[in-house]
Amino acid sequence: MKKRQALFFEAPFKVNVRHEPMPSPGYGEVLVSSELSAISPGTEMLFYRDQVPDDLAVDATIEELGAEFSYPLKYGYAVIGRVRELGQGVDEQWLDRRVFVFHPHESHFVTALSNLHPVPQELPSSSAVLLPLMETAVSFLMDARPMIGERVVLFGQGIVGLLTTAMLADYPLASLLTLDRFPLRRHWSQQLGAEISLDPTAVDILEQLQVHLSDQSAYTGADLLFELSGNPQALDLAIAAAGYDGRIFIGSWYGTKKSDLNLGSQFHRSNVRLVSSQVSHIAPRWRGRFDHQRRLSVAWSMLAKLDPERMITHRFPISQAHHAYRLLDHDPGSTVQVLLTYD
């Protein structure tokens, strides 16, 4: 009997690849053979480290991930593959099509036709597999709404932070500053258009930020700050760096990590606003003009424009997935984006 490989988060700090019976497609379904899947280094490391709230659905928008969090579980949401078998009622034009699917890390899987997203022919698979991360970055800009002439600061230059920086670099901003503790990511940040990228662990980091965010006008400090680092402590620094009526956009999901904010200093007097965002839905202000498909079409176009394939630092066969997660846990400074590959 043919078997498929499926990645399981077995317990904290333990992933394992199990061999399961090969599924067969039913009516209106297809069997997809995976080529690549992308590890989401922010979200997936929360599952790896057991930092996800127990009472929260793993993912309310992906059918396979709708249960409440408990080990063992499958997780992941970025797979590129080809349609290998068709169920009844599926047009033969789908056979051998290259598709993207929001699905956990598996070598083969059955899914409904409605879950398939055909990959543009000109886009390489190693860029297309980053569609959810690009969609997240697109949603950040939609929800944060940067304005012409603003001073913008981003905390965190992981892959989503870098994609956000790359798009912001095309805006007519007054300045674009980023922070990340890893030199490799600071390098990429400046390659993608950041004016300067600073180390947030520097003892004088607030003074450095204040120097870069000051000019001869009365409007000192940052207008808009993105907290994308996944580190709740970054919020205090963001509040300190925000100018009067500044906006702090929180794109990070902290899971069970707590934020001990200092709100007794300039937070109230500076009229600082904290703004949340979640990619699983369209923000109310956009629902009259945008749905998920329209936002995905923007993400596809940004993938073609920005060529994120160049930021892939590691590829591991699915059978060696435990090495990939250990690397992300123990040596994140050497990585930007990690992919899993399938024979």
Protein backbone atom coordinates (compact mmCIF):
# COMPACT_ATOMS: atom_id res chain seq x y z
CA MET A 1 0.00 0.00 0.00
CA LYS A 2 1.29 3.45 -0.91
CA LYS A 3 2.04 5.76 2.01
CA ARG A 4 2.29 9.50 2.43
CA GLN A 5 4.53 11.49 4.76
CA ALA A 6 2.83 13.80 7.24
CA LEU A 7 4.50 16.15 9.70
CA PHE A 8 3.21 16.10 13.28
CA PHE A 9 3.97 18.38 16.18
CA GLU A 10 4.16 15.52 18.70
CA ALA A 11 5.02 17.46 21.86
CA PRO A 12 6.87 20.63 22.83
CA PHE A 13 10.14 20.83 20.85
CA LYS A 14 9.40 17.59 19.01
CA VAL A 15 8.25 17.09 15.42
CA ASN A 16 7.99 13.75 13.68
CA VAL A 17 7.16 12.56 10.18
CA ARG A 18 4.60 9.75 10.18
CA HIS A 19 3.74 7.44 7.30
CA GLU A 20 0.00 7.25 6.66
CA PRO A 21 -2.19 5.48 4.08
CA MET A 22 -2.42 7.35 0.79
CA PRO A 23 -5.84 9.04 0.55
CA SER A 24 -8.09 8.86 -2.52
CA PRO A 25 -10.13 11.80 -3.81
CA GLY A 26 -13.91 11.72 -3.57
CA TYR A 27 -16.48 13.65 -5.54
CA GLY A 28 -15.29 17.19 -6.29
CA GLU A 29 -11.86 16.48 -4.79
CA VAL A 30 -8.31 16.06 -6.07
CA LEU A 31 -5.14 14.39 -4.83
CA VAL A 32 -2.21 16.80 -4.65
CA SER A 33 1.42 15.71 -4.60
CA SER A 34 3.50 18.30 -2.73
CA GLU A 35 6.61 19.91 -4.19
CA LEU A 36 7.45 22.47 -1.48
CA SER A 37 5.99 23.75 1.75
CA ALA A 38 7.05 26.85 3.66
CA ILE A 39 7.57 26.96 7.41
CA SER A 40 6.02 30.04 8.96
CA PRO A 41 8.79 30.91 11.41
CA GLY A 42 6.62 33.10 13.64
CA THR A 43 3.42 31.10 14.04
CA GLU A 44 4.86 27.59 13.76
CA MET A 45 7.49 28.21 16.41
CA LEU A 46 4.69 29.03 18.86
CA PHE A 47 3.32 25.52 18.26
CA TYR A 48 6.80 24.04 18.45
CA ARG A 49 7.47 25.75 21.79
CA ASP A 50 4.00 25.14 23.26
CA GLN A 51 3.14 28.85 23.39
CA VAL A 52 -0.37 28.60 21.93
CA PRO A 53 -3.46 29.16 24.16
CA ASP A 54 -5.21 25.84 24.83
CA ASP A 55 -8.72 27.25 24.26
CA LEU A 56 -7.97 28.66 20.80
CA ALA A 57 -8.78 26.96 17.50
CA VAL A 58 -5.58 26.15 15.63
CA ASP A 59 -6.89 28.06 12.61
CA ALA A 60 -10.54 28.97 12.21
CA THR A 61 -10.24 29.57 8.44
CA ILE A 62 -8.58 26.29 7.34
CA GLU A 63 -10.85 23.25 7.67
CA GLU A 64 -8.05 20.81 8.51
CA LEU A 65 -6.89 23.07 11.36
CA GLY A 66 -10.21 23.91 12.97
CA ALA A 67 -9.83 21.87 16.19
CA GLU A 68 -8.61 23.33 19.48
CA PHE A 69 -4.89 23.17 20.07
CA SER A 70 -3.52 19.96 21.61
CA TYR A 71 -0.64 17.62 20.82
CA PRO A 72 -0.18 15.75 18.56
CA LEU A 73 -1.34 17.89 15.66
CA LYS A 74 -0.63 18.71 12.05
CA TYR A 75 0.09 22.33 11.25
CA GLY A 76 1.25 24.47 8.36
CA TYR A 77 -0.54 26.46 5.69
CA ALA A 78 1.67 26.91 2.64
CA VAL A 79 2.05 24.10 0.10
CA ILE A 80 2.87 24.07 -3.61
CA GLY A 81 2.17 20.86 -5.48
CA ARG A 82 0.63 19.24 -8.55
CA VAL A 83 -2.75 17.65 -9.02
CA ARG A 84 -2.13 13.91 -9.55
CA GLU A 85 -5.60 12.32 -9.31
CA LEU A 86 -9.11 13.58 -9.93
CA GLY A 87 -12.27 12.62 -8.12
CA GLN A 88 -15.60 12.33 -9.87
CA GLY A 89 -17.00 15.60 -11.13
CA VAL A 90 -13.59 17.28 -11.58
CA ASP A 91 -12.67 18.55 -15.05
CA GLU A 92 -9.61 16.87 -16.57
CA GLN A 93 -8.00 20.27 -17.15
CA TRP A 94 -6.92 20.16 -13.48
CA LEU A 95 -4.70 17.12 -13.96
CA ASP A 96 -1.01 17.98 -13.45
CA ARG A 97 -1.82 21.64 -12.70
CA ARG A 98 0.59 23.39 -10.35
CA VAL A 99 -1.41 24.72 -7.43
CA PHE A 100 -1.04 26.45 -4.10
CA VAL A 101 -3.09 25.15 -1.14
CA PHE A 102 -3.45 26.38 2.44
CA HIS A 103 -2.62 23.00 4.00
CA PRO A 104 -0.34 21.37 6.60
CA HIS A 105 3.04 19.82 5.71
CA GLU A 106 2.21 16.53 3.91
CA SER A 107 3.66 14.80 0.86
CA HIS A 108 0.18 14.02 -0.54
CA PHE A 109 -3.28 15.17 0.45
CA VAL A 110 -6.86 15.26 -0.76
CA THR A 111 -8.64 18.58 -0.91
CA ALA A 112 -11.73 20.13 -2.43
CA LEU A 113 -11.48 21.80 -5.80
CA SER A 114 -12.48 25.10 -4.19
CA ASN A 115 -9.26 25.09 -2.12
CA LEU A 116 -6.94 25.12 -5.15
CA HIS A 117 -5.15 28.31 -6.21
CA PRO A 118 -3.50 27.92 -9.64
CA VAL A 119 0.07 29.24 -9.64
CA PRO A 120 0.89 31.83 -12.32
CA GLN A 121 3.04 30.13 -14.94
CA GLU A 122 5.87 32.67 -14.75
CA LEU A 123 6.23 32.45 -10.95
CA PRO A 124 8.76 29.93 -9.55
CA SER A 125 7.41 27.54 -6.93
CA SER A 126 9.89 28.76 -4.31
CA SER A 127 8.36 32.26 -4.53
CA ALA A 128 4.75 31.11 -4.94
CA VAL A 129 4.90 29.00 -1.77
CA LEU A 130 5.28 32.23 0.23
CA LEU A 131 1.79 33.41 -0.79
CA PRO A 132 0.34 33.40 2.78
CA LEU A 133 3.29 35.38 4.13
CA MET A 134 2.94 37.93 1.35
CA GLU A 135 -0.81 38.11 1.93
CA THR A 136 -0.09 38.83 5.59
CA ALA A 137 2.26 41.66 4.65
CA VAL A 138 -0.34 43.05 2.22
CA SER A 139 -2.99 42.97 4.94
CA PHE A 140 -0.60 44.82 7.29
CA LEU A 141 -0.32 47.72 4.86
CA MET A 142 -4.06 47.75 4.25
CA ASP A 143 -4.82 47.91 7.98
CA ALA A 144 -1.97 50.28 8.98
CA ARG A 145 -2.60 52.72 6.11
CA PRO A 146 0.77 54.52 5.92
CA MET A 147 0.55 58.13 4.74
CA ILE A 148 2.74 60.16 2.43
CA GLY A 149 5.54 61.90 4.29
CA GLU A 150 5.34 59.77 7.45
CA ARG A 151 8.25 58.47 9.48
CA VAL A 152 7.79 54.70 9.70
CA VAL A 153 9.59 52.22 11.97
CA LEU A 154 9.36 48.42 11.80
CA PHE A 155 10.34 46.14 14.70
CA GLY A 156 11.19 42.66 13.42
CA GLN A 157 12.70 41.71 10.06
CA GLY A 158 11.74 38.09 9.75
CA ILE A 159 10.34 37.11 6.38
CA VAL A 160 7.00 38.89 6.89
CA GLY A 161 8.75 41.97 8.23
CA LEU A 162 11.08 42.00 5.23
CA LEU A 163 8.19 41.67 2.77
CA THR A 164 6.45 44.54 4.55
CA THR A 165 9.62 46.63 4.39
CA ALA A 166 10.02 45.92 0.67
CA MET A 167 6.52 47.19 -0.08
CA LEU A 168 6.87 50.23 2.19
CA ALA A 169 10.07 51.15 0.35
CA ASP A 170 7.88 52.09 -2.64
CA TYR A 171 5.80 54.52 -0.55
CA PRO A 172 6.69 58.26 -0.54
CA LEU A 173 7.66 58.20 3.14
CA ALA A 174 9.84 60.70 4.95
CA SER A 175 11.90 57.85 6.39
CA LEU A 176 11.82 54.07 6.79
CA LEU A 177 13.72 52.57 9.73
CA THR A 178 13.81 48.94 10.83
CA LEU A 179 15.10 46.99 13.82
CA ASP A 180 16.17 43.37 14.18
CA ARG A 181 18.65 41.65 16.47
CA PHE A 182 20.20 39.54 13.68
CA PRO A 183 22.78 41.02 11.26
CA LEU A 184 21.65 38.84 8.33
CA ARG A 185 18.12 40.22 8.53
CA ARG A 186 19.33 43.81 8.99
CA HIS A 187 21.41 43.34 5.84
CA TRP A 188 18.39 42.16 3.87
CA SER A 189 16.30 44.99 5.29
CA GLN A 190 18.60 47.61 3.85
CA GLN A 191 18.88 45.70 0.58
CA LEU A 192 15.09 45.91 0.30
CA GLY A 193 14.92 49.65 0.92
CA ALA A 194 15.20 50.48 4.62
CA GLU A 195 17.06 53.74 5.20
CA ILE A 196 18.82 52.17 8.18
CA SER A 197 18.39 48.97 10.20
CA LEU A 198 19.32 49.02 13.89
CA ASP A 199 20.00 46.43 16.58
CA PRO A 200 17.21 46.69 19.20
CA THR A 201 19.47 45.13 21.87
CA ALA A 202 21.94 48.07 21.75
CA VAL A 203 22.11 49.82 25.12
CA ASP A 204 21.49 53.22 23.51
CA ILE A 205 18.85 52.09 21.04
CA LEU A 206 16.23 54.63 22.15
CA GLU A 207 18.75 57.45 21.73
CA GLN A 208 19.63 56.13 18.27
CA LEU A 209 15.97 56.07 17.29
CA GLN A 210 15.35 59.57 18.62
CA VAL A 211 18.26 60.92 16.57
CA HIS A 212 16.94 59.34 13.38
CA LEU A 213 13.35 60.43 14.10
CA SER A 214 14.10 64.10 14.79
CA ASP A 215 14.34 67.05 12.46
CA GLN A 216 13.93 70.81 12.65
CA SER A 217 10.13 70.64 12.91
CA ALA A 218 8.03 70.18 16.01
CA TYR A 219 6.94 66.70 14.86
CA THR A 220 9.54 64.46 16.43
CA GLY A 221 9.18 60.72 16.91
CA ALA A 222 7.65 58.14 14.59
CA ASP A 223 4.25 58.54 13.00
CA LEU A 224 3.67 54.83 12.40
CA LEU A 225 5.39 51.84 14.00
CA PHE A 226 4.95 48.16 13.10
CA GLU A 227 5.55 45.57 15.83
CA LEU A 228 6.33 42.40 13.84
CA SER A 229 9.08 40.89 16.01
CA GLY A 230 6.95 38.49 18.05
CA ASN A 231 8.62 39.92 21.16
CA PRO A 232 6.14 41.65 23.52
CA GLN A 233 8.99 43.68 25.03
CA ALA A 234 9.33 45.53 21.74
CA LEU A 235 6.06 47.32 22.48
CA ASP A 236 7.63 49.40 25.26
CA LEU A 237 10.36 50.60 22.91
CA ALA A 238 7.77 51.32 20.24
CA ILE A 239 5.75 53.46 22.67
CA ALA A 240 8.89 55.36 23.66
CA ALA A 241 9.78 56.00 20.00
CA ALA A 242 6.29 57.07 18.92
CA GLY A 243 5.61 60.74 18.37
CA TYR A 244 2.47 62.57 19.46
CA ASP A 245 -0.64 60.83 18.09
CA GLY A 246 1.58 58.02 16.78
CA ARG A 247 0.12 54.67 15.74
CA ILE A 248 1.61 51.34 16.81
CA PHE A 249 0.44 48.55 14.56
CA ILE A 250 0.70 45.10 16.18
CA GLY A 251 1.01 42.37 13.56
CA SER A 252 2.74 39.87 15.85
CA TRP A 253 0.81 37.00 17.39
CA TYR A 254 2.27 36.45 20.86
CA GLY A 255 0.38 33.27 21.79
CA THR A 256 0.82 32.78 25.53
CA LYS A 257 3.67 35.30 25.77
CA LYS A 258 2.65 38.23 27.98
CA SER A 259 3.33 41.92 27.49
CA ASP A 260 4.17 43.96 30.60
CA LEU A 261 3.70 47.45 29.17
CA ASN A 262 4.83 50.70 30.73
CA LEU A 263 1.73 52.83 30.17
CA GLY A 264 2.47 55.26 33.00
CA SER A 265 4.97 57.44 31.14
CA GLN A 266 4.24 59.13 27.81
CA PHE A 267 1.62 56.69 26.47
CA HIS A 268 -1.45 58.76 27.50
CA ARG A 269 0.08 62.21 27.13
CA SER A 270 1.30 61.39 23.64
CA ASN A 271 -2.11 60.02 22.61
CA VAL A 272 -0.45 56.84 21.27
CA ARG A 273 -2.79 54.35 19.59
CA LEU A 274 -2.36 50.56 19.50
CA VAL A 275 -3.84 48.94 16.38
CA SER A 276 -4.41 45.19 15.97
CA SER A 277 -4.58 43.17 12.76
CA GLN A 278 -5.43 39.60 11.74
CA VAL A 279 -5.00 38.19 8.25
CA SER A 280 -7.73 35.55 8.61
CA HIS A 281 -10.40 38.15 7.88
CA ILE A 282 -10.81 41.40 5.95
CA ALA A 283 -10.89 44.46 8.21
CA PRO A 284 -14.38 46.05 8.34
CA ARG A 285 -13.26 49.25 6.59
CA TRP A 286 -12.28 47.25 3.48
CA ARG A 287 -15.18 44.78 3.18
CA GLY A 288 -17.16 46.93 0.77
CA ARG A 289 -14.38 46.75 -1.81
CA PHE A 290 -12.18 43.77 -0.89
CA ASP A 291 -12.67 40.06 -0.31
CA HIS A 292 -10.06 37.35 0.25
CA GLN A 293 -9.68 36.68 -3.47
CA ARG A 294 -8.97 40.30 -4.31
CA ARG A 295 -6.39 40.53 -1.53
CA LEU A 296 -4.79 37.29 -2.75
CA SER A 297 -4.55 38.72 -6.26
CA VAL A 298 -2.59 41.66 -4.84
CA ALA A 299 -0.32 39.22 -2.99
CA TRP A 300 0.32 37.24 -6.20
CA SER A 301 1.35 40.42 -8.00
CA MET A 302 3.68 41.43 -5.14
CA LEU A 303 5.36 38.00 -5.22
CA ALA A 304 6.12 38.50 -8.90
CA LYS A 305 7.45 42.00 -8.29
CA LEU A 306 9.59 41.40 -5.18
CA ASP A 307 11.14 38.00 -6.01
CA PRO A 308 11.18 36.64 -2.41
CA GLU A 309 12.85 33.42 -3.60
CA ARG A 310 16.20 35.17 -3.05
CA MET A 311 15.55 35.28 0.71
CA ILE A 312 15.24 31.51 1.10
CA THR A 313 18.21 30.44 3.21
CA HIS A 314 17.55 26.72 3.83
CA ARG A 315 15.75 23.74 2.30
CA PHE A 316 15.24 20.45 4.14
CA PRO A 317 13.66 17.20 2.90
CA ILE A 318 10.44 16.50 4.78
CA SER A 319 12.18 13.48 6.36
CA GLN A 320 14.65 15.90 7.99
CA ALA A 321 12.05 18.37 9.22
CA HIS A 322 13.18 18.02 12.83
CA HIS A 323 16.50 19.59 11.84
CA ALA A 324 14.67 22.53 10.28
CA TYR A 325 12.68 23.31 13.43
CA ARG A 326 15.72 22.83 15.65
CA LEU A 327 17.63 25.31 13.49
CA LEU A 328 14.85 27.87 13.76
CA ASP A 329 14.74 27.37 17.52
CA HIS A 330 18.47 27.40 18.25
CA ASP A 331 19.99 29.51 15.48
CA PRO A 332 17.33 31.83 14.03
CA GLY A 333 19.97 34.41 13.14
CA SER A 334 21.22 32.21 10.31
CA THR A 335 17.80 31.94 8.68
CA VAL A 336 15.35 34.11 6.81
CA GLN A 337 13.03 31.56 5.18
CA VAL A 338 13.11 27.76 5.47
CA LEU A 339 11.36 25.40 3.03
CA LEU A 340 10.55 21.69 3.21
CA THR A 341 11.00 19.68 0.01
CA TYR A 342 9.28 16.50 -1.22
CA ASP A 343 10.41 13.78 -3.60
